[in-house]
Amino acid sequence: MNKHLRIFIAIIVLALSPAACGPSQTSATEPPSSADQVATVVASTMQALTPNSPTSPNSPTSQPPGLLPHSLYFLNNDNAGIAQVFRLETDGETLTQITFEPVAVDSYDVSLTDGSVVYASNNQLLLISADGSGRRVLVEGGPQDLNNPFVNAVRFPAFSPNGQTIAYGYKGLNLYAVATGVSNRVLEDDIDDVGGGLLVPREMFWPDRYSSDGTKLLITLGYYEGASAAIYYPAANSLVRLSNDEGAFICCGEPEWTLDNSALFSGNPSMGMFSSGLWRVDASSGAVTTLLAGDAGNGTYNFADEPFLGPDNQLYFFYANLPATQEFFNRVSLQLVRAAADGVTNRTVLRPEPFQLMNEGLWSPDASFVIAAIAPSDQIYQGGALELFYTDGQKSKVSLAPFGQQLKWGP
């Protein structure tokens, strides 16, 4: 099963339930399901961090003041084994626990205006100030049907760039006005009742991330089998669906906005049910252009991940080209590269290290480095050890934290 399908399973099966990031509980007489096993492995891998102290005292590379351009937020377990939001300061060492929930935090976002944090936990949407004070419940999702938890799941909040609106998933796509406390559902989930207490999602909507100018919102479209993406325009209350090239798999938190917000780039580093490759999405039309086809046409496959168009108009991403010796590829060894915006011209390898177990990447705004979450084993598909890799291959990597997932920049 490829990386993206595992991510999608985590989203649909795990993240929509309160056990998304915490330990799963199963009957002593009943073997865990595959979803339970994934949740248990993820929970056991997440490590309790000690706030307000260096996260990696044995790092081979010193962390000078101002190592990071912004504070870094991520999820990890607290001392009780419950997933919480943590903040790593710009020195790369000082760590602060931001949330203190009795139930795992499933997903969250950070306001780039004042550092306040909105998050989903216990099927509630909550908001706190940057220092963790002022906790308040914005949305109460209520009890969930264990057989159909997605029906009323509160999930995946996203702040608008000005901090005035919070988009979130709850029976559809919703926009919450911070100033007034009024929430409007702008897109309604389409769910079929097939009888016998079984509900099947025909199409569900939840936010991914706003463009930096706040005029567009990338959203995920969830289906019973598979997923896609679309672009929602809040001002016009309109939805632009993607005109996908065959095999393009664009969803689930992977695409990155360009700095001018005119397009998105997306990559898939696995070959299987969906093709690997690299794509550009036009934000106004939804047209998808293939930059690197999964099947290169010469007996090899292209693999790409975490593309980011830097301010130098160069495309930075992880890449590999391998012989097409098998039908399915997963966890391929990638290298960090830079190319022109077409992903091909002047493509150059930037670092010698192989990246085989990377689950997530967060680029610095100037593309001078990427923070990668490196899994400790090939069975971990969410999060990992946080390592900073400079695009200047002469600089050594910097270890930031033993584990983190859902990486986000703060203000």
Protein backbone atom coordinates (compact mmCIF):
# COMPACT_ATOMS: atom_id res chain seq x y z
CA MET A 1 0.00 0.00 0.00
CA ASN A 2 1.50 3.34 -0.98
CA LYS A 3 2.26 6.25 1.30
CA HIS A 4 -0.70 8.35 0.25
CA LEU A 5 -3.22 5.57 0.74
CA ARG A 6 -1.88 5.01 4.23
CA ILE A 7 -2.21 8.73 4.89
CA PHE A 8 -5.76 8.61 3.59
CA ILE A 9 -6.59 5.63 5.80
CA ALA A 10 -5.18 7.56 8.73
CA ILE A 11 -7.37 10.53 7.81
CA ILE A 12 -10.59 8.62 7.24
CA VAL A 13 -10.25 5.77 9.73
CA LEU A 14 -8.12 7.23 12.46
CA ALA A 15 -8.01 11.01 12.37
CA LEU A 16 -11.80 11.24 12.21
CA SER A 17 -11.96 9.39 15.53
CA PRO A 18 -10.69 10.57 18.90
CA ALA A 19 -7.99 7.88 18.82
CA ALA A 20 -6.21 9.42 15.86
CA CYS A 21 -3.00 10.29 17.62
CA GLY A 22 -3.37 8.45 20.89
CA PRO A 23 -3.09 4.83 21.93
CA SER A 24 -5.85 2.61 20.61
CA GLN A 25 -7.72 0.25 22.91
CA THR A 26 -8.98 -3.15 21.82
CA SER A 27 -10.70 -6.01 23.55
CA ALA A 28 -8.38 -8.48 25.28
CA THR A 29 -10.00 -11.29 23.32
CA GLU A 30 -10.25 -9.56 19.94
CA PRO A 31 -7.20 -9.00 17.73
CA PRO A 32 -6.70 -5.41 16.63
CA SER A 33 -7.80 -4.39 13.16
CA SER A 34 -5.28 -3.02 10.69
CA ALA A 35 -6.44 0.49 11.56
CA ASP A 36 -5.95 -0.26 15.26
CA GLN A 37 -2.48 -1.56 14.53
CA VAL A 38 -1.55 1.60 12.64
CA ALA A 39 -2.84 3.77 15.49
CA THR A 40 -0.98 1.71 18.09
CA VAL A 41 2.30 1.86 16.18
CA VAL A 42 1.99 5.63 15.70
CA ALA A 43 1.10 6.21 19.35
CA SER A 44 3.93 4.04 20.64
CA THR A 45 6.42 5.82 18.38
CA MET A 46 5.46 9.32 19.49
CA GLN A 47 7.73 10.31 22.36
CA ALA A 48 6.99 12.33 25.45
CA LEU A 49 9.03 15.54 25.31
CA THR A 50 10.17 17.67 28.22
CA PRO A 51 8.95 21.26 27.75
CA ASN A 52 11.19 24.29 28.22
CA SER A 53 14.41 22.35 27.69
CA PRO A 54 16.65 21.42 24.75
CA THR A 55 15.02 18.75 22.66
CA SER A 56 18.21 17.24 21.31
CA PRO A 57 21.14 17.77 23.72
CA ASN A 58 23.22 15.18 21.88
CA SER A 59 22.79 16.74 18.45
CA PRO A 60 26.08 16.60 16.50
CA THR A 61 25.44 20.12 15.21
CA SER A 62 25.05 23.10 17.51
CA GLN A 63 21.88 25.17 17.25
CA PRO A 64 22.74 28.88 17.10
CA PRO A 65 20.23 31.56 18.10
CA GLY A 66 17.85 32.25 15.26
CA LEU A 67 18.28 28.83 13.71
CA LEU A 68 14.63 28.87 12.57
CA PRO A 69 12.90 31.79 10.82
CA HIS A 70 9.71 31.18 12.83
CA SER A 71 8.62 29.07 15.75
CA LEU A 72 7.88 25.47 14.77
CA TYR A 73 4.69 23.69 15.88
CA PHE A 74 4.01 19.96 15.83
CA LEU A 75 2.11 17.15 17.54
CA ASN A 76 3.71 14.69 19.93
CA ASN A 77 2.81 12.84 23.13
CA ASP A 78 2.99 14.50 26.53
CA ASN A 79 4.22 12.66 29.63
CA ALA A 80 0.84 10.93 29.92
CA GLY A 81 1.07 9.58 26.37
CA ILE A 82 -1.58 11.96 25.01
CA ALA A 83 -0.96 13.80 21.74
CA GLN A 84 -0.62 17.54 22.31
CA VAL A 85 0.56 20.62 20.41
CA PHE A 86 4.17 21.64 21.10
CA ARG A 87 6.11 24.72 20.01
CA LEU A 88 9.84 24.79 19.29
CA GLU A 89 11.27 28.31 19.49
CA THR A 90 13.51 29.85 16.84
CA ASP A 91 16.65 28.83 18.74
CA GLY A 92 15.84 25.24 17.78
CA GLU A 93 16.04 24.12 21.41
CA THR A 94 13.45 25.71 23.67
CA LEU A 95 10.30 23.59 23.72
CA THR A 96 6.89 24.54 25.13
CA GLN A 97 3.80 22.37 25.47
CA ILE A 98 0.83 24.43 24.28
CA THR A 99 -2.21 22.21 24.82
CA PHE A 100 -3.09 20.11 27.87
CA GLU A 101 -6.09 18.09 26.78
CA PRO A 102 -7.32 14.90 28.50
CA VAL A 103 -7.96 13.42 25.04
CA ALA A 104 -5.55 13.44 22.10
CA VAL A 105 -5.35 16.46 19.81
CA ASP A 106 -6.25 15.18 16.35
CA SER A 107 -5.38 18.19 14.20
CA TYR A 108 -4.63 21.89 14.66
CA ASP A 109 -3.51 25.14 13.06
CA VAL A 110 -1.67 28.27 14.15
CA SER A 111 -2.66 31.88 13.54
CA LEU A 112 0.15 33.71 11.77
CA THR A 113 -1.07 36.99 13.23
CA ASP A 114 -0.94 36.30 16.98
CA GLY A 115 0.13 32.68 17.46
CA SER A 116 -3.21 31.48 18.80
CA VAL A 117 -3.90 27.80 18.21
CA VAL A 118 -7.14 26.20 17.03
CA TYR A 119 -7.40 22.44 17.37
CA ALA A 120 -9.72 19.44 17.35
CA SER A 121 -9.91 17.17 20.38
CA ASN A 122 -12.66 14.98 21.83
CA ASN A 123 -14.80 15.94 18.82
CA GLN A 124 -14.64 19.60 19.79
CA LEU A 125 -13.09 22.60 18.10
CA LEU A 126 -11.10 24.63 20.63
CA LEU A 127 -9.13 27.86 20.61
CA ILE A 128 -6.33 29.03 22.90
CA SER A 129 -3.98 31.99 23.02
CA ALA A 130 -0.33 31.68 22.04
CA ASP A 131 0.67 31.09 25.66
CA GLY A 132 -1.94 28.36 26.10
CA SER A 133 -4.35 30.52 28.10
CA GLY A 134 -7.96 31.41 27.39
CA ARG A 135 -9.07 27.93 26.34
CA ARG A 136 -12.55 28.00 24.88
CA VAL A 137 -14.77 25.60 22.96
CA LEU A 138 -15.90 26.97 19.60
CA VAL A 139 -17.79 23.95 18.23
CA GLU A 140 -19.22 20.93 20.04
CA GLY A 141 -19.53 17.97 17.69
CA GLY A 142 -21.31 15.74 20.19
CA PRO A 143 -21.11 11.96 20.59
CA GLN A 144 -19.97 9.98 17.57
CA ASP A 145 -21.41 6.80 16.13
CA LEU A 146 -18.54 4.32 16.45
CA ASN A 147 -19.64 2.65 13.22
CA ASN A 148 -19.83 5.93 11.30
CA PRO A 149 -17.56 8.41 13.13
CA PHE A 150 -17.08 10.56 10.04
CA VAL A 151 -20.70 11.70 10.03
CA ASN A 152 -20.26 14.37 12.71
CA ALA A 153 -16.48 14.47 13.14
CA VAL A 154 -14.93 17.87 13.92
CA ARG A 155 -11.66 17.92 12.03
CA PHE A 156 -8.77 19.72 10.34
CA PRO A 157 -9.11 23.43 11.27
CA ALA A 158 -7.28 26.02 9.16
CA PHE A 159 -6.74 29.70 10.00
CA SER A 160 -7.10 32.33 7.31
CA PRO A 161 -3.90 34.40 6.95
CA ASN A 162 -5.47 37.39 8.76
CA GLY A 163 -6.58 35.17 11.63
CA GLN A 164 -10.21 36.27 11.32
CA THR A 165 -11.67 33.05 9.91
CA ILE A 166 -11.27 29.41 10.87
CA ALA A 167 -12.20 26.84 8.25
CA TYR A 168 -12.95 23.37 9.58
CA GLY A 169 -14.68 20.14 8.71
CA TYR A 170 -17.96 19.23 10.41
CA LYS A 171 -20.73 17.72 8.28
CA GLY A 172 -19.07 19.64 5.46
CA LEU A 173 -16.83 22.66 5.04
CA ASN A 174 -17.49 25.39 7.62
CA LEU A 175 -16.20 28.93 8.09
CA TYR A 176 -16.10 30.30 11.65
CA ALA A 177 -15.84 34.08 12.13
CA VAL A 178 -13.55 34.65 15.12
CA ALA A 179 -14.89 38.15 15.85
CA THR A 180 -18.56 37.18 15.99
CA GLY A 181 -18.49 33.47 16.82
CA VAL A 182 -20.80 32.77 13.88
CA SER A 183 -20.18 29.61 11.86
CA ASN A 184 -21.52 28.97 8.37
CA ARG A 185 -21.50 25.67 6.51
CA VAL A 186 -20.61 26.50 2.91
CA LEU A 187 -20.34 22.95 1.53
CA GLU A 188 -22.48 20.07 2.79
CA ASP A 189 -21.17 16.49 3.05
CA ASP A 190 -23.00 14.04 0.80
CA ILE A 191 -23.53 10.76 2.66
CA ASP A 192 -25.63 7.78 1.57
CA ASP A 193 -27.64 5.66 4.00
CA VAL A 194 -27.32 2.15 2.53
CA GLY A 195 -29.35 0.54 5.30
CA GLY A 196 -28.49 -1.66 8.24
CA GLY A 197 -26.99 1.27 10.09
CA LEU A 198 -24.27 1.71 7.46
CA LEU A 199 -23.57 5.15 6.05
CA VAL A 200 -21.28 5.62 3.06
CA PRO A 201 -19.60 8.95 2.24
CA ARG A 202 -20.33 9.89 -1.35
CA GLU A 203 -18.32 13.11 -0.98
CA MET A 204 -17.00 14.91 2.07
CA PHE A 205 -15.25 18.27 2.40
CA TRP A 206 -12.60 19.52 4.81
CA PRO A 207 -9.94 22.24 4.59
CA ASP A 208 -6.27 21.86 3.96
CA ARG A 209 -4.68 25.32 3.80
CA TYR A 210 -5.38 28.86 2.67
CA SER A 211 -3.35 30.64 0.05
CA SER A 212 -1.15 33.32 1.62
CA ASP A 213 -3.45 36.11 0.38
CA GLY A 214 -6.53 34.42 1.86
CA THR A 215 -8.48 34.44 -1.40
CA LYS A 216 -8.34 30.67 -1.94
CA LEU A 217 -8.67 27.60 0.24
CA LEU A 218 -7.32 24.23 -0.80
CA ILE A 219 -9.72 21.55 0.39
CA THR A 220 -9.72 17.75 0.43
CA LEU A 221 -12.56 15.77 -1.12
CA GLY A 222 -13.07 12.48 0.69
CA TYR A 223 -14.83 9.50 -0.86
CA TYR A 224 -15.67 5.97 0.21
CA GLU A 225 -12.62 4.86 -1.76
CA GLY A 226 -9.99 7.42 -2.63
CA ALA A 227 -9.70 11.18 -2.35
CA SER A 228 -9.05 14.27 -4.40
CA ALA A 229 -8.71 18.00 -3.92
CA ALA A 230 -10.41 21.22 -5.01
CA ILE A 231 -9.99 24.96 -4.54
CA TYR A 232 -12.66 26.93 -2.73
CA TYR A 233 -13.03 30.68 -3.26
CA PRO A 234 -14.62 32.14 -0.07
CA ALA A 235 -15.55 35.53 -1.53
CA ALA A 236 -17.50 33.99 -4.41
CA ASN A 237 -18.58 30.88 -2.49
CA SER A 238 -17.44 28.85 -5.49
CA LEU A 239 -15.59 25.57 -5.90
CA VAL A 240 -13.04 24.84 -8.61
CA ARG A 241 -12.61 21.12 -9.13
CA LEU A 242 -9.41 19.76 -10.60
CA SER A 243 -9.18 18.62 -14.21
CA ASN A 244 -6.84 15.77 -13.36
CA ASP A 245 -4.36 14.22 -15.69
CA GLU A 246 -4.82 10.47 -15.60
CA GLY A 247 -3.04 9.06 -12.59
CA ALA A 248 -2.54 12.39 -10.82
CA PHE A 249 -3.05 11.96 -7.09
CA ILE A 250 -3.44 15.36 -5.47
CA CYS A 251 -4.85 15.49 -1.98
CA CYS A 252 -4.30 14.86 1.69
CA GLY A 253 -1.98 17.66 2.75
CA GLU A 254 0.69 17.18 0.08
CA PRO A 255 0.24 20.16 -2.33
CA GLU A 256 2.12 23.43 -1.79
CA TRP A 257 0.97 26.88 -2.87
CA THR A 258 3.27 28.99 -5.00
CA LEU A 259 4.34 32.31 -3.48
CA ASP A 260 2.04 34.25 -5.83
CA ASN A 261 -0.88 31.88 -5.04
CA SER A 262 -1.54 31.24 -8.72
CA ALA A 263 -0.79 27.53 -8.59
CA LEU A 264 -0.02 24.47 -6.50
CA PHE A 265 2.63 21.80 -6.88
CA SER A 266 2.08 18.20 -5.82
CA GLY A 267 4.10 15.00 -5.94
CA ASN A 268 3.55 11.30 -5.27
CA PRO A 269 6.56 9.12 -4.36
CA SER A 270 4.73 5.78 -4.62
CA MET A 271 3.60 3.64 -7.53
CA GLY A 272 0.57 1.40 -7.15
CA MET A 273 -3.15 2.13 -7.23
CA PHE A 274 -2.16 5.73 -8.05
CA SER A 275 0.71 6.72 -10.29
CA SER A 276 3.81 8.42 -8.97
CA GLY A 277 4.84 11.74 -10.47
CA LEU A 278 4.97 15.51 -10.17
CA TRP A 279 2.18 17.94 -11.12
CA ARG A 280 1.30 21.62 -11.27
CA VAL A 281 -2.28 22.78 -10.60
CA ASP A 282 -3.60 26.06 -11.96
CA ALA A 283 -5.59 27.67 -9.14
CA SER A 284 -8.02 29.57 -11.36
CA SER A 285 -9.03 26.74 -13.70
CA GLY A 286 -8.11 23.61 -11.73
CA ALA A 287 -6.16 22.33 -14.74
CA VAL A 288 -3.50 19.79 -13.78
CA THR A 289 -0.27 19.68 -15.78
CA THR A 290 2.05 16.69 -15.52
CA LEU A 291 5.66 17.79 -15.04
CA LEU A 292 7.06 14.32 -14.40
CA ALA A 293 4.96 11.34 -15.44
CA GLY A 294 5.16 8.32 -13.19
CA ASP A 295 5.95 6.13 -16.17
CA ALA A 296 8.86 7.90 -17.84
CA GLY A 297 8.31 5.87 -21.01
CA ASN A 298 11.84 4.46 -21.11
CA GLY A 299 11.45 1.54 -18.74
CA THR A 300 11.79 3.70 -15.62
CA TYR A 301 9.49 5.38 -13.12
CA ASN A 302 9.71 8.91 -11.73
CA PHE A 303 9.03 9.55 -8.03
CA ALA A 304 8.64 13.00 -6.47
CA ASP A 305 7.67 14.34 -3.07
CA GLU A 306 7.26 17.64 -1.18
CA PRO A 307 7.72 20.08 -4.10
CA PHE A 308 8.24 23.74 -3.17
CA LEU A 309 8.72 26.63 -5.58
CA GLY A 310 11.23 28.92 -3.89
CA PRO A 311 11.47 32.71 -4.18
CA ASP A 312 14.26 32.13 -6.73
CA ASN A 313 11.61 30.49 -8.98
CA GLN A 314 13.45 27.19 -8.63
CA LEU A 315 11.54 24.03 -7.75
CA TYR A 316 12.89 22.15 -4.74
CA PHE A 317 11.69 18.59 -4.18
CA PHE A 318 12.66 15.01 -3.38
CA TYR A 319 13.17 12.85 -6.43
CA ALA A 320 14.17 9.44 -7.74
CA ASN A 321 14.12 7.69 -11.11
CA LEU A 322 14.17 3.90 -10.85
CA PRO A 323 13.93 0.96 -13.26
CA ALA A 324 10.35 -0.27 -13.64
CA THR A 325 11.17 -3.71 -12.30
CA GLN A 326 7.91 -4.18 -10.42
CA GLU A 327 4.32 -2.97 -10.41
CA PHE A 328 4.28 -1.50 -6.91
CA PHE A 329 6.86 0.80 -5.33
CA ASN A 330 6.72 2.13 -1.78
CA ARG A 331 9.32 3.78 0.44
CA VAL A 332 11.69 4.43 -2.44
CA SER A 333 14.99 6.14 -1.72
CA LEU A 334 14.74 9.80 -2.77
CA GLN A 335 17.29 12.59 -3.07
CA LEU A 336 16.88 16.30 -2.46
CA VAL A 337 17.04 18.15 -5.79
CA ARG A 338 16.55 21.58 -7.34
CA ALA A 339 15.34 22.29 -10.86
CA ALA A 340 13.64 24.94 -12.94
CA ALA A 341 9.91 25.35 -12.37
CA ASP A 342 9.24 22.60 -14.90
CA GLY A 343 10.89 20.07 -12.60
CA VAL A 344 13.25 18.93 -15.36
CA THR A 345 15.56 21.69 -16.62
CA ASN A 346 18.92 21.87 -14.80
CA ARG A 347 17.82 19.33 -12.19
CA THR A 348 20.64 19.02 -9.66
CA VAL A 349 21.11 16.81 -6.61
CA LEU A 350 21.68 19.05 -3.57
CA ARG A 351 22.60 16.56 -0.85
CA PRO A 352 24.16 13.08 -0.78
CA GLU A 353 21.83 11.51 1.81
CA PRO A 354 19.08 9.13 0.74
CA PHE A 355 15.56 9.94 2.04
CA GLN A 356 13.67 6.67 2.24
CA LEU A 357 11.53 6.94 5.37
CA MET A 358 10.47 10.59 5.17
CA ASN A 359 6.80 11.04 6.06
CA GLU A 360 6.54 14.81 6.00
CA GLY A 361 8.50 17.91 5.02
CA LEU A 362 8.25 21.60 5.91
CA TRP A 363 10.19 24.11 3.82
CA SER A 364 11.72 27.31 5.06
CA PRO A 365 10.16 30.30 3.28
CA ASP A 366 13.43 31.05 1.46
CA ALA A 367 14.02 27.37 0.51
CA SER A 368 17.36 27.37 2.32
CA PHE A 369 16.38 24.24 4.25
CA VAL A 370 13.66 21.67 4.77
CA ILE A 371 12.61 20.03 8.03
CA ALA A 372 11.89 16.36 7.41
CA ALA A 373 10.06 13.92 9.68
CA ILE A 374 12.08 10.72 9.31
CA ALA A 375 10.26 7.58 10.43
CA PRO A 376 12.13 5.17 12.72
CA SER A 377 10.88 2.18 10.73
CA ASP A 378 9.11 1.35 7.48
CA GLN A 379 5.91 0.63 9.42
CA ILE A 380 5.51 4.26 10.54
CA TYR A 381 3.64 6.42 8.02
CA GLN A 382 2.97 9.49 10.16
CA GLY A 383 5.66 11.67 11.71
CA GLY A 384 9.19 10.86 12.76
CA ALA A 385 12.41 12.37 14.04
CA LEU A 386 12.62 16.04 13.04
CA GLU A 387 15.81 16.75 11.11
CA LEU A 388 16.78 20.00 9.40
CA PHE A 389 18.52 19.60 6.04
CA TYR A 390 20.09 22.63 4.33
CA THR A 391 19.81 22.89 0.56
CA ASP A 392 23.45 23.90 0.73
CA GLY A 393 24.84 20.38 0.80
CA GLN A 394 28.03 21.56 2.51
CA LYS A 395 26.15 22.21 5.74
CA SER A 396 25.46 19.38 8.17
CA LYS A 397 21.96 18.40 9.18
CA VAL A 398 20.58 19.58 12.52
CA SER A 399 18.49 17.36 14.83
CA LEU A 400 15.52 19.26 16.25
CA ALA A 401 13.28 16.77 18.10
CA PRO A 402 13.00 12.98 18.48
CA PHE A 403 9.48 12.93 17.06
CA GLY A 404 6.87 15.22 15.55
CA GLN A 405 4.03 15.24 13.04
CA GLN A 406 1.77 17.83 11.39
CA LEU A 407 4.61 20.36 11.15
CA LYS A 408 3.59 24.02 10.86
CA TRP A 409 5.31 27.39 11.03
CA GLY A 410 4.11 29.90 13.61
CA PRO A 411 4.27 33.68 13.38
